[in-house]
Amino acid sequence: MVFKPFKLLFCTYKLLLLRLLYRLFVWVYPKAAWLLSFYNPKARLWIAGRKQQFRKLAMIFHTNQKPVVWMHCSSLGEFEQGKPILEKVKQQFPQYFILVSFFSPSGYEIRKNDPVADHVCYLPMDRPYNAVRFLNIVQPSLVFFVKYEFWHYYLDEIKQRNIPLLLVSGVFRNDQPFFKWYGNFHRNMLQKFSHLFLQNTFSADLLQQIEMKTDFSVAGDTRFDRVLQIAGRFEEIAPITSFCGDHPVIVAGSTWTEDDEALDHFANTYADIRFIIAPHDIDEDRLKECEQLYERSIRYSVWAAQPEAGQNKNVLIMDNMGMLSKLYHYATIAYIGGGFGDDGIHNALEAAVFYKPVVFGPVYDKYQEAIDLVDAGAGFSIEDALELEEQLKALLSDQTLLKESGTIGGNYVRDKAGATKKILDYIHAKRLLTN
């Protein structure tokens, strides 16, 4: 018992230190972004998008008479997770004003005019004054944060105002700060939520281990609902149909340099196969890099305007954003990029929903759907370019394997759908929104 006061004192100082480090982080981040903006296009957009943002918000909300639903997303992937919920809210509660905020330019720039939202903005940097000012202007009736966005001052201010706050498609891993000895500060952020909707039981088990007081439940991942929506609304893209013809098609989505270096030899060797390459970044240097790697390539914008320029070309390099989820419809096999980087692969569900087998690099352990697809025989992980070529040849030469693996993946997506309904049922049951 004599050590209890010392333990309490240690915990208090630890929490104060973490708060200080967090304050330092949110102070340094914008300054670092400003320095990077002189030569980094994304940083430049991040800085430019936040100029006079409070004035712009005040102009929008000065005349707004509707109650507000606010959803915050880190980037494009999180928005795609949250969109099925917003569409249902818009349909069932049309009297509400829908605000979407982004942290990253890669989400904002692509979805700033999305019709599901009445207004789209950048989230001002997480500072006490910004949080108060933002909420004073917006005055939301309900707030959604998607997946793993946790901003201390915003969450604290929302909690103080007793605004219902829901985490959508939350997913946790045991290497995150919440579950470390120094994780008090992060655990306190979780306490600000009204309810945590989780993707899987593993996340729920982790929260139980830290005796989380906030209500939580396993609802599943709303991305399954989103990709089913996209597949159900598919419309043919004439230039893509023309390029593919009757050839086998490899669609490589969200590729990084390492992905293209693994794939280029196969594309350069097999002229009768069509390849559609959608780089994760489409700045000019990256597009030129792809053109150098793929010997018989043409950019999509050139092909769409001048099909005759594409004679003897078997690689189409996508130089626009927003089309990838539709491109997988054309695939015989889908290659999912990112698997050679530390962050792992991008969204494999966008391809699997179309009943396509998916292939990706070795780093996929953070993504449960990728693990499930591999275990079920619908996904295939490769270690290097040689294994990639062998895997692609194996699938292309065995129509039974090709069809069965695609069918397994498509059925998996459909079996996992339904998270959106569970969240909307909660909103109705708790009367968080009213007609």
Protein backbone atom coordinates (compact mmCIF):
# COMPACT_ATOMS: atom_id res chain seq x y z
CA MET A 1 0.00 0.00 0.00
CA VAL A 2 2.91 2.35 0.67
CA PHE A 3 3.73 2.38 -3.07
CA LYS A 4 0.22 3.28 -4.23
CA PRO A 5 0.75 7.08 -4.01
CA PHE A 6 3.97 6.75 -6.00
CA LYS A 7 2.20 4.67 -8.63
CA LEU A 8 -0.55 7.26 -8.88
CA LEU A 9 2.01 10.05 -9.15
CA PHE A 10 3.88 8.17 -11.87
CA CYS A 11 0.68 7.65 -13.88
CA THR A 12 -0.20 11.33 -13.54
CA TYR A 13 3.21 12.50 -14.77
CA LYS A 14 3.11 9.96 -17.59
CA LEU A 15 -0.26 11.27 -18.76
CA LEU A 16 0.95 14.86 -18.58
CA LEU A 17 4.04 13.96 -20.60
CA LEU A 18 1.95 12.27 -23.30
CA ARG A 19 -0.35 15.28 -23.47
CA LEU A 20 2.70 17.52 -23.88
CA LEU A 21 4.09 15.32 -26.66
CA TYR A 22 0.73 15.37 -28.42
CA ARG A 23 0.60 19.17 -28.17
CA LEU A 24 4.08 19.30 -29.65
CA PHE A 25 3.03 17.00 -32.48
CA VAL A 26 -0.01 19.06 -33.51
CA TRP A 27 2.12 22.23 -33.31
CA VAL A 28 5.00 20.85 -35.39
CA TYR A 29 2.94 19.01 -38.04
CA PRO A 30 1.59 22.09 -39.90
CA LYS A 31 5.03 23.71 -39.87
CA ALA A 32 6.59 20.57 -41.31
CA ALA A 33 3.85 20.44 -43.95
CA TRP A 34 4.57 24.07 -44.84
CA LEU A 35 8.26 23.32 -45.37
CA LEU A 36 7.44 20.24 -47.44
CA SER A 37 4.95 22.23 -49.53
CA PHE A 38 7.77 23.92 -51.44
CA TYR A 39 8.51 20.68 -53.27
CA ASN A 40 5.80 18.16 -52.32
CA PRO A 41 2.44 18.51 -54.17
CA LYS A 42 0.43 16.76 -51.44
CA ALA A 43 1.84 18.96 -48.71
CA ARG A 44 1.11 22.00 -50.89
CA LEU A 45 -2.53 20.94 -51.20
CA TRP A 46 -2.71 20.25 -47.45
CA ILE A 47 -1.56 23.81 -46.71
CA ALA A 48 -3.62 25.53 -49.42
CA GLY A 49 -6.80 23.69 -48.48
CA ARG A 50 -6.67 25.00 -44.92
CA LYS A 51 -6.30 28.67 -45.78
CA GLN A 52 -9.24 30.78 -44.53
CA GLN A 53 -11.17 27.59 -43.86
CA PHE A 54 -13.01 28.99 -40.86
CA ARG A 55 -14.21 31.94 -42.92
CA LYS A 56 -15.45 29.55 -45.60
CA LEU A 57 -17.19 27.36 -43.03
CA ALA A 58 -18.83 30.37 -41.40
CA MET A 59 -20.21 31.47 -44.77
CA ILE A 60 -21.65 28.02 -45.44
CA PHE A 61 -23.22 27.52 -42.03
CA HIS A 62 -24.39 31.10 -41.49
CA THR A 63 -27.44 30.41 -43.64
CA ASN A 64 -27.88 26.74 -42.78
CA GLN A 65 -31.10 26.01 -40.93
CA LYS A 66 -30.82 22.22 -40.95
CA PRO A 67 -29.45 20.01 -38.15
CA VAL A 68 -26.00 18.70 -39.07
CA VAL A 69 -24.51 15.22 -39.36
CA TRP A 70 -20.72 15.38 -39.47
CA MET A 71 -18.48 12.53 -40.67
CA HIS A 72 -14.71 12.80 -40.44
CA CYS A 73 -12.46 10.61 -42.62
CA SER A 74 -8.70 10.47 -42.81
CA SER A 75 -8.53 9.91 -46.54
CA LEU A 76 -10.27 8.36 -49.53
CA GLY A 77 -10.37 4.79 -48.21
CA GLU A 78 -12.08 5.84 -44.99
CA PHE A 79 -14.60 7.90 -46.94
CA GLU A 80 -15.48 4.83 -49.00
CA GLN A 81 -16.11 3.02 -45.71
CA GLY A 82 -18.32 5.77 -44.41
CA LYS A 83 -20.25 6.56 -47.58
CA PRO A 84 -22.83 3.74 -47.29
CA ILE A 85 -23.86 5.17 -43.91
CA LEU A 86 -24.13 8.70 -45.27
CA GLU A 87 -26.24 7.51 -48.19
CA LYS A 88 -28.66 5.80 -45.80
CA VAL A 89 -28.77 8.89 -43.56
CA LYS A 90 -29.48 11.08 -46.59
CA GLN A 91 -32.24 8.71 -47.69
CA GLN A 92 -33.89 8.17 -44.32
CA PHE A 93 -33.28 11.61 -42.76
CA PRO A 94 -33.31 14.05 -45.70
CA GLN A 95 -33.83 17.04 -43.41
CA TYR A 96 -30.23 16.80 -42.13
CA PHE A 97 -27.24 18.69 -43.53
CA ILE A 98 -24.32 16.32 -44.20
CA LEU A 99 -20.78 17.59 -43.62
CA VAL A 100 -17.72 15.51 -44.52
CA SER A 101 -14.22 16.47 -43.41
CA PHE A 102 -10.88 15.04 -44.52
CA PHE A 103 -7.41 15.17 -43.08
CA SER A 104 -5.60 14.13 -46.26
CA PRO A 105 -5.58 15.84 -49.68
CA SER A 106 -5.86 12.45 -51.40
CA GLY A 107 -9.36 12.12 -49.97
CA TYR A 108 -10.50 15.73 -50.18
CA GLU A 109 -9.36 16.43 -53.74
CA ILE A 110 -11.16 13.40 -55.16
CA ARG A 111 -14.39 13.64 -53.13
CA LYS A 112 -14.80 17.38 -52.55
CA ASN A 113 -17.79 17.44 -54.90
CA ASP A 114 -19.34 14.12 -53.91
CA PRO A 115 -23.14 14.47 -54.01
CA VAL A 116 -23.66 12.52 -50.77
CA ALA A 117 -22.38 15.54 -48.81
CA ASP A 118 -23.83 19.03 -48.60
CA HIS A 119 -20.35 20.33 -47.87
CA VAL A 120 -16.84 18.84 -47.85
CA CYS A 121 -13.91 20.46 -46.08
CA TYR A 122 -10.49 19.87 -44.55
CA LEU A 123 -10.40 19.27 -40.81
CA PRO A 124 -8.54 22.14 -39.12
CA MET A 125 -5.51 20.94 -37.21
CA ASP A 126 -6.36 19.45 -33.82
CA ARG A 127 -5.89 22.27 -31.33
CA PRO A 128 -8.15 23.35 -28.45
CA TYR A 129 -9.13 26.65 -30.07
CA ASN A 130 -9.73 25.04 -33.48
CA ALA A 131 -11.95 22.36 -31.99
CA VAL A 132 -14.08 24.90 -30.14
CA ARG A 133 -14.35 27.20 -33.14
CA PHE A 134 -15.15 24.38 -35.56
CA LEU A 135 -17.91 22.98 -33.37
CA ASN A 136 -19.32 26.43 -32.68
CA ILE A 137 -19.74 26.94 -36.41
CA VAL A 138 -20.92 23.46 -37.39
CA GLN A 139 -22.96 22.54 -34.29
CA PRO A 140 -23.44 18.88 -35.27
CA SER A 141 -26.23 16.72 -33.89
CA LEU A 142 -24.35 13.48 -34.60
CA VAL A 143 -20.67 12.81 -35.36
CA PHE A 144 -19.01 9.84 -37.07
CA PHE A 145 -15.27 9.18 -37.05
CA VAL A 146 -14.18 6.44 -39.45
CA LYS A 147 -11.84 3.54 -38.69
CA TYR A 148 -8.84 4.95 -36.81
CA GLU A 149 -9.04 8.71 -36.74
CA PHE A 150 -8.48 9.90 -33.16
CA TRP A 151 -7.97 13.63 -32.59
CA HIS A 152 -7.81 14.42 -28.89
CA TYR A 153 -9.12 18.00 -28.75
CA TYR A 154 -11.99 17.39 -31.14
CA LEU A 155 -13.05 14.24 -29.29
CA ASP A 156 -12.80 16.02 -25.95
CA GLU A 157 -14.89 18.98 -27.11
CA ILE A 158 -17.52 16.70 -28.66
CA LYS A 159 -17.75 14.79 -25.38
CA GLN A 160 -18.08 17.97 -23.33
CA ARG A 161 -20.98 19.08 -25.50
CA ASN A 162 -22.72 15.70 -25.12
CA ILE A 163 -22.89 15.18 -28.87
CA PRO A 164 -23.35 11.50 -29.86
CA LEU A 165 -20.07 10.25 -31.34
CA LEU A 166 -19.76 6.92 -33.18
CA LEU A 167 -16.66 5.15 -34.47
CA VAL A 168 -17.37 3.37 -37.76
CA SER A 169 -15.51 0.20 -38.81
CA GLY A 170 -13.01 0.50 -36.00
CA VAL A 171 -10.17 -1.97 -36.05
CA PHE A 172 -7.49 -2.47 -33.42
CA ARG A 173 -4.18 -4.32 -33.24
CA ASN A 174 -2.16 -5.19 -30.17
CA ASP A 175 0.80 -3.11 -31.36
CA GLN A 176 -1.20 0.13 -31.10
CA PRO A 177 -0.61 2.59 -28.22
CA PHE A 178 -4.04 1.86 -26.70
CA PHE A 179 -2.72 -1.48 -25.48
CA LYS A 180 0.72 -0.40 -24.27
CA TRP A 181 1.86 0.55 -20.77
CA TYR A 182 2.10 4.15 -21.93
CA GLY A 183 -1.32 4.14 -23.59
CA ASN A 184 -3.42 6.03 -21.01
CA PHE A 185 -3.64 9.13 -23.17
CA HIS A 186 -4.86 7.13 -26.17
CA ARG A 187 -7.24 5.02 -24.08
CA ASN A 188 -8.79 8.22 -22.77
CA MET A 189 -9.61 9.21 -26.35
CA LEU A 190 -11.61 6.01 -26.80
CA GLN A 191 -13.67 6.95 -23.74
CA LYS A 192 -15.00 9.99 -25.59
CA PHE A 193 -17.05 7.87 -28.00
CA SER A 194 -20.69 6.97 -27.41
CA HIS A 195 -20.25 3.64 -29.20
CA LEU A 196 -17.46 1.87 -31.08
CA PHE A 197 -18.58 -0.23 -34.05
CA LEU A 198 -15.80 -2.74 -34.66
CA GLN A 199 -14.81 -4.77 -37.68
CA ASN A 200 -13.93 -8.01 -35.91
CA THR A 201 -13.96 -9.96 -32.65
CA PHE A 202 -10.18 -9.63 -32.24
CA SER A 203 -10.63 -5.88 -31.81
CA ALA A 204 -13.38 -6.50 -29.27
CA ASP A 205 -11.13 -8.88 -27.33
CA LEU A 206 -8.40 -6.25 -27.16
CA LEU A 207 -10.82 -3.67 -25.79
CA GLN A 208 -12.07 -6.14 -23.21
CA GLN A 209 -8.49 -6.71 -22.04
CA ILE A 210 -8.10 -3.02 -21.18
CA GLU A 211 -11.56 -3.00 -19.57
CA MET A 212 -12.94 -0.43 -21.96
CA LYS A 213 -15.92 1.36 -20.41
CA THR A 214 -17.24 2.77 -23.68
CA ASP A 215 -19.92 0.63 -25.33
CA PHE A 216 -18.69 -1.34 -28.31
CA SER A 217 -19.96 -4.06 -30.60
CA VAL A 218 -18.81 -6.05 -33.61
CA ALA A 219 -20.76 -4.78 -36.62
CA GLY A 220 -18.36 -5.74 -39.40
CA ASP A 221 -16.73 -3.61 -42.05
CA THR A 222 -18.87 -1.17 -44.06
CA ARG A 223 -16.44 -1.54 -46.98
CA PHE A 224 -18.24 -4.75 -47.90
CA ASP A 225 -21.45 -2.76 -48.31
CA ARG A 226 -19.64 -0.07 -50.25
CA VAL A 227 -18.01 -2.35 -52.82
CA LEU A 228 -21.34 -4.11 -53.35
CA GLN A 229 -22.91 -0.72 -54.05
CA ILE A 230 -20.21 0.09 -56.59
CA ALA A 231 -20.52 -3.27 -58.31
CA GLY A 232 -24.30 -2.92 -58.47
CA ARG A 233 -24.02 0.49 -60.14
CA PHE A 234 -21.39 -0.49 -62.70
CA GLU A 235 -21.62 1.21 -66.08
CA GLU A 236 -19.43 0.32 -69.01
CA ILE A 237 -16.42 2.54 -69.78
CA ALA A 238 -16.18 2.47 -73.56
CA PRO A 239 -12.42 3.19 -73.92
CA ILE A 240 -11.61 0.46 -71.40
CA THR A 241 -13.89 -2.04 -73.15
CA SER A 242 -12.20 -1.23 -76.44
CA PHE A 243 -8.71 -1.61 -75.01
CA CYS A 244 -9.43 -4.98 -73.41
CA GLY A 245 -11.16 -6.55 -76.40
CA ASP A 246 -11.19 -10.35 -76.10
CA HIS A 247 -7.81 -10.56 -74.38
CA PRO A 248 -7.06 -11.78 -70.84
CA VAL A 249 -6.77 -8.71 -68.63
CA ILE A 250 -4.60 -8.01 -65.58
CA VAL A 251 -5.79 -4.96 -63.64
CA ALA A 252 -3.13 -3.71 -61.22
CA GLY A 253 -4.62 -1.23 -58.79
CA SER A 254 -2.97 1.31 -56.47
CA THR A 255 0.52 0.26 -57.51
CA TRP A 256 3.75 1.60 -56.09
CA THR A 257 7.13 1.43 -57.80
CA GLU A 258 7.91 -1.96 -56.25
CA ASP A 259 4.67 -3.41 -57.61
CA ASP A 260 5.36 -2.20 -61.13
CA GLU A 261 8.92 -3.48 -60.97
CA ALA A 262 7.54 -6.90 -60.05
CA LEU A 263 5.00 -6.84 -62.88
CA ASP A 264 6.78 -5.13 -65.76
CA HIS A 265 8.72 -8.15 -67.06
CA PHE A 266 5.54 -10.21 -67.35
CA ALA A 267 3.74 -7.36 -69.14
CA ASN A 268 6.65 -6.78 -71.49
CA THR A 269 6.88 -10.51 -72.30
CA TYR A 270 3.21 -11.33 -72.98
CA ALA A 271 1.98 -8.94 -75.64
CA ASP A 272 -1.34 -10.77 -76.03
CA ILE A 273 -2.39 -10.01 -72.44
CA ARG A 274 -3.83 -6.59 -71.66
CA PHE A 275 -2.63 -4.78 -68.54
CA ILE A 276 -4.36 -1.85 -66.89
CA ILE A 277 -2.06 -0.11 -64.42
CA ALA A 278 -3.57 2.34 -61.93
CA PRO A 279 -0.71 3.90 -59.94
CA HIS A 280 -1.40 4.97 -56.37
CA ASP A 281 0.03 8.40 -57.22
CA ILE A 282 -0.45 10.00 -60.62
CA ASP A 283 2.04 12.85 -60.54
CA GLU A 284 3.99 13.31 -63.73
CA ASP A 285 7.21 11.69 -62.45
CA ARG A 286 5.33 8.57 -61.40
CA LEU A 287 3.51 8.28 -64.72
CA LYS A 288 6.79 8.64 -66.61
CA GLU A 289 8.31 5.95 -64.42
CA CYS A 290 5.50 3.59 -65.40
CA GLU A 291 6.00 4.42 -69.07
CA GLN A 292 9.67 3.52 -68.75
CA LEU A 293 8.93 0.21 -67.02
CA TYR A 294 6.20 -0.91 -69.43
CA GLU A 295 7.59 -0.97 -72.94
CA ARG A 296 4.28 -1.07 -74.87
CA SER A 297 2.27 1.38 -72.80
CA ILE A 298 -0.08 4.29 -73.42
CA ARG A 299 -1.78 6.69 -71.04
CA TYR A 300 -5.53 6.48 -70.64
CA SER A 301 -6.11 10.13 -71.59
CA VAL A 302 -4.20 9.62 -74.85
CA TRP A 303 -5.96 6.35 -75.65
CA ALA A 304 -9.42 7.79 -74.97
CA ALA A 305 -8.76 10.76 -77.27
CA GLN A 306 -6.75 8.97 -79.99
CA PRO A 307 -7.36 5.20 -80.06
CA GLU A 308 -5.19 4.90 -83.16
CA ALA A 309 -2.19 5.89 -81.02
CA GLY A 310 -2.63 2.67 -79.08
CA GLN A 311 -1.79 0.25 -81.83
CA ASN A 312 0.56 -2.50 -80.62
CA LYS A 313 0.14 -1.31 -77.02
CA ASN A 314 -0.77 -3.84 -74.33
CA VAL A 315 -0.45 -1.66 -71.21
CA LEU A 316 -2.88 1.12 -70.33
CA ILE A 317 -1.61 3.51 -67.66
CA MET A 318 -4.40 5.27 -65.81
CA ASP A 319 -3.60 8.96 -65.41
CA ASN A 320 -6.77 9.92 -63.55
CA MET A 321 -8.29 9.10 -60.17
CA GLY A 322 -11.61 7.62 -59.17
CA MET A 323 -12.03 4.89 -61.78
CA LEU A 324 -10.20 1.99 -60.13
CA SER A 325 -13.19 0.36 -58.44
CA LYS A 326 -14.88 0.07 -61.85
CA LEU A 327 -11.75 -1.13 -63.64
CA TYR A 328 -11.71 -4.38 -61.68
CA HIS A 329 -14.88 -5.39 -63.55
CA TYR A 330 -12.69 -5.87 -66.63
CA ALA A 331 -10.05 -7.99 -64.90
CA THR A 332 -9.37 -11.62 -65.51
CA ILE A 333 -7.03 -11.38 -62.51
CA ALA A 334 -6.61 -8.42 -60.16
CA TYR A 335 -3.29 -7.39 -58.69
CA ILE A 336 -3.58 -5.26 -55.54
CA GLY A 337 -0.71 -2.83 -54.97
CA GLY A 338 1.03 -1.86 -51.75
CA GLY A 339 2.12 -5.31 -50.64
CA PHE A 340 5.83 -4.54 -50.86
CA GLY A 341 5.60 -1.53 -48.55
CA ASP A 342 5.40 -1.24 -44.78
CA ASP A 343 1.75 -0.16 -44.79
CA GLY A 344 0.58 -3.19 -46.75
CA ILE A 345 -1.91 -3.71 -49.55
CA HIS A 346 -4.76 -1.50 -50.64
CA ASN A 347 -8.41 -2.52 -50.87
CA ALA A 348 -8.71 -6.09 -52.20
CA LEU A 349 -12.50 -6.08 -51.76
CA GLU A 350 -12.94 -3.73 -54.72
CA ALA A 351 -11.76 -6.55 -56.98
CA ALA A 352 -13.13 -9.56 -55.11
CA VAL A 353 -16.69 -8.20 -55.31
CA PHE A 354 -16.53 -8.72 -59.08
CA TYR A 355 -15.67 -12.42 -58.53
CA LYS A 356 -12.02 -11.88 -59.48
CA PRO A 357 -9.06 -13.72 -57.93
CA VAL A 358 -6.69 -11.28 -56.25
CA VAL A 359 -2.89 -11.37 -56.12
CA PHE A 360 -0.72 -9.15 -53.92
CA GLY A 361 2.68 -8.79 -52.28
CA PRO A 362 3.86 -10.26 -48.96
CA VAL A 363 2.72 -7.47 -46.59
CA TYR A 364 -0.98 -7.97 -45.95
CA ASP A 365 -1.19 -9.09 -42.31
CA LYS A 366 -2.87 -5.84 -41.16
CA TYR A 367 -5.92 -6.55 -43.30
CA GLN A 368 -8.29 -9.25 -42.15
CA GLU A 369 -10.06 -9.49 -45.49
CA ALA A 370 -6.75 -10.25 -47.23
CA ILE A 371 -5.96 -12.95 -44.68
CA ASP A 372 -9.43 -14.42 -45.15
CA LEU A 373 -9.15 -14.38 -48.95
CA VAL A 374 -5.79 -16.17 -48.85
CA ASP A 375 -7.08 -18.77 -46.38
CA ALA A 376 -10.15 -19.39 -48.54
CA GLY A 377 -8.21 -19.77 -51.78
CA ALA A 378 -9.46 -16.53 -53.35
CA GLY A 379 -6.30 -14.52 -52.70
CA PHE A 380 -2.67 -15.29 -53.52
CA SER A 381 0.36 -13.68 -51.89
CA ILE A 382 3.69 -13.55 -53.71
CA GLU A 383 7.18 -12.70 -52.48
CA ASP A 384 8.82 -11.38 -55.65
CA ALA A 385 8.54 -10.91 -59.41
CA LEU A 386 9.31 -14.56 -60.14
CA GLU A 387 6.54 -15.83 -57.87
CA LEU A 388 4.17 -13.25 -59.32
CA GLU A 389 4.75 -14.50 -62.85
CA GLU A 390 4.32 -18.12 -61.78
CA GLN A 391 1.08 -17.31 -59.98
CA LEU A 392 -0.36 -15.37 -62.90
CA LYS A 393 0.56 -18.17 -65.32
CA ALA A 394 -1.01 -20.76 -63.02
CA LEU A 395 -4.30 -18.88 -62.89
CA LEU A 396 -4.42 -18.07 -66.58
CA SER A 397 -3.67 -21.65 -67.60
CA ASP A 398 -6.26 -23.25 -65.30
CA GLN A 399 -9.77 -22.01 -66.00
CA THR A 400 -11.23 -24.11 -63.19
CA LEU A 401 -8.87 -22.56 -60.62
CA LEU A 402 -9.50 -19.11 -62.08
CA LYS A 403 -13.28 -19.42 -61.82
CA GLU A 404 -13.36 -21.14 -58.42
CA SER A 405 -11.03 -18.66 -56.74
CA GLY A 406 -13.03 -15.75 -58.14
CA THR A 407 -16.32 -17.28 -57.01
CA ILE A 408 -15.00 -17.83 -53.50
CA GLY A 409 -13.93 -14.19 -53.26
CA GLY A 410 -17.22 -12.83 -54.58
CA ASN A 411 -19.24 -14.97 -52.18
CA TYR A 412 -17.00 -13.95 -49.29
CA VAL A 413 -17.79 -10.27 -49.88
CA ARG A 414 -21.51 -10.94 -49.98
CA ASP A 415 -21.44 -13.05 -46.82
CA LYS A 416 -19.72 -10.23 -44.90
CA ALA A 417 -22.10 -7.43 -45.89
CA GLY A 418 -24.51 -5.82 -43.46
CA ALA A 419 -22.47 -3.51 -41.18
CA THR A 420 -24.28 -0.43 -42.46
CA LYS A 421 -27.66 -1.81 -41.45
CA LYS A 422 -26.43 -2.59 -37.93
CA ILE A 423 -25.20 0.97 -37.48
CA LEU A 424 -28.42 2.49 -38.83
CA ASP A 425 -30.45 0.18 -36.59
CA TYR A 426 -28.50 1.55 -33.61
CA ILE A 427 -29.15 5.13 -34.70
CA HIS A 428 -32.87 4.40 -34.94
CA ALA A 429 -33.00 2.52 -31.63
CA LYS A 430 -31.20 5.32 -29.76
CA ARG A 431 -33.12 8.02 -31.66
CA LEU A 432 -29.87 9.79 -32.46
CA LEU A 433 -31.58 11.27 -35.53
CA THR A 434 -35.25 12.08 -35.79
CA ASN A 435 -37.66 12.70 -38.63
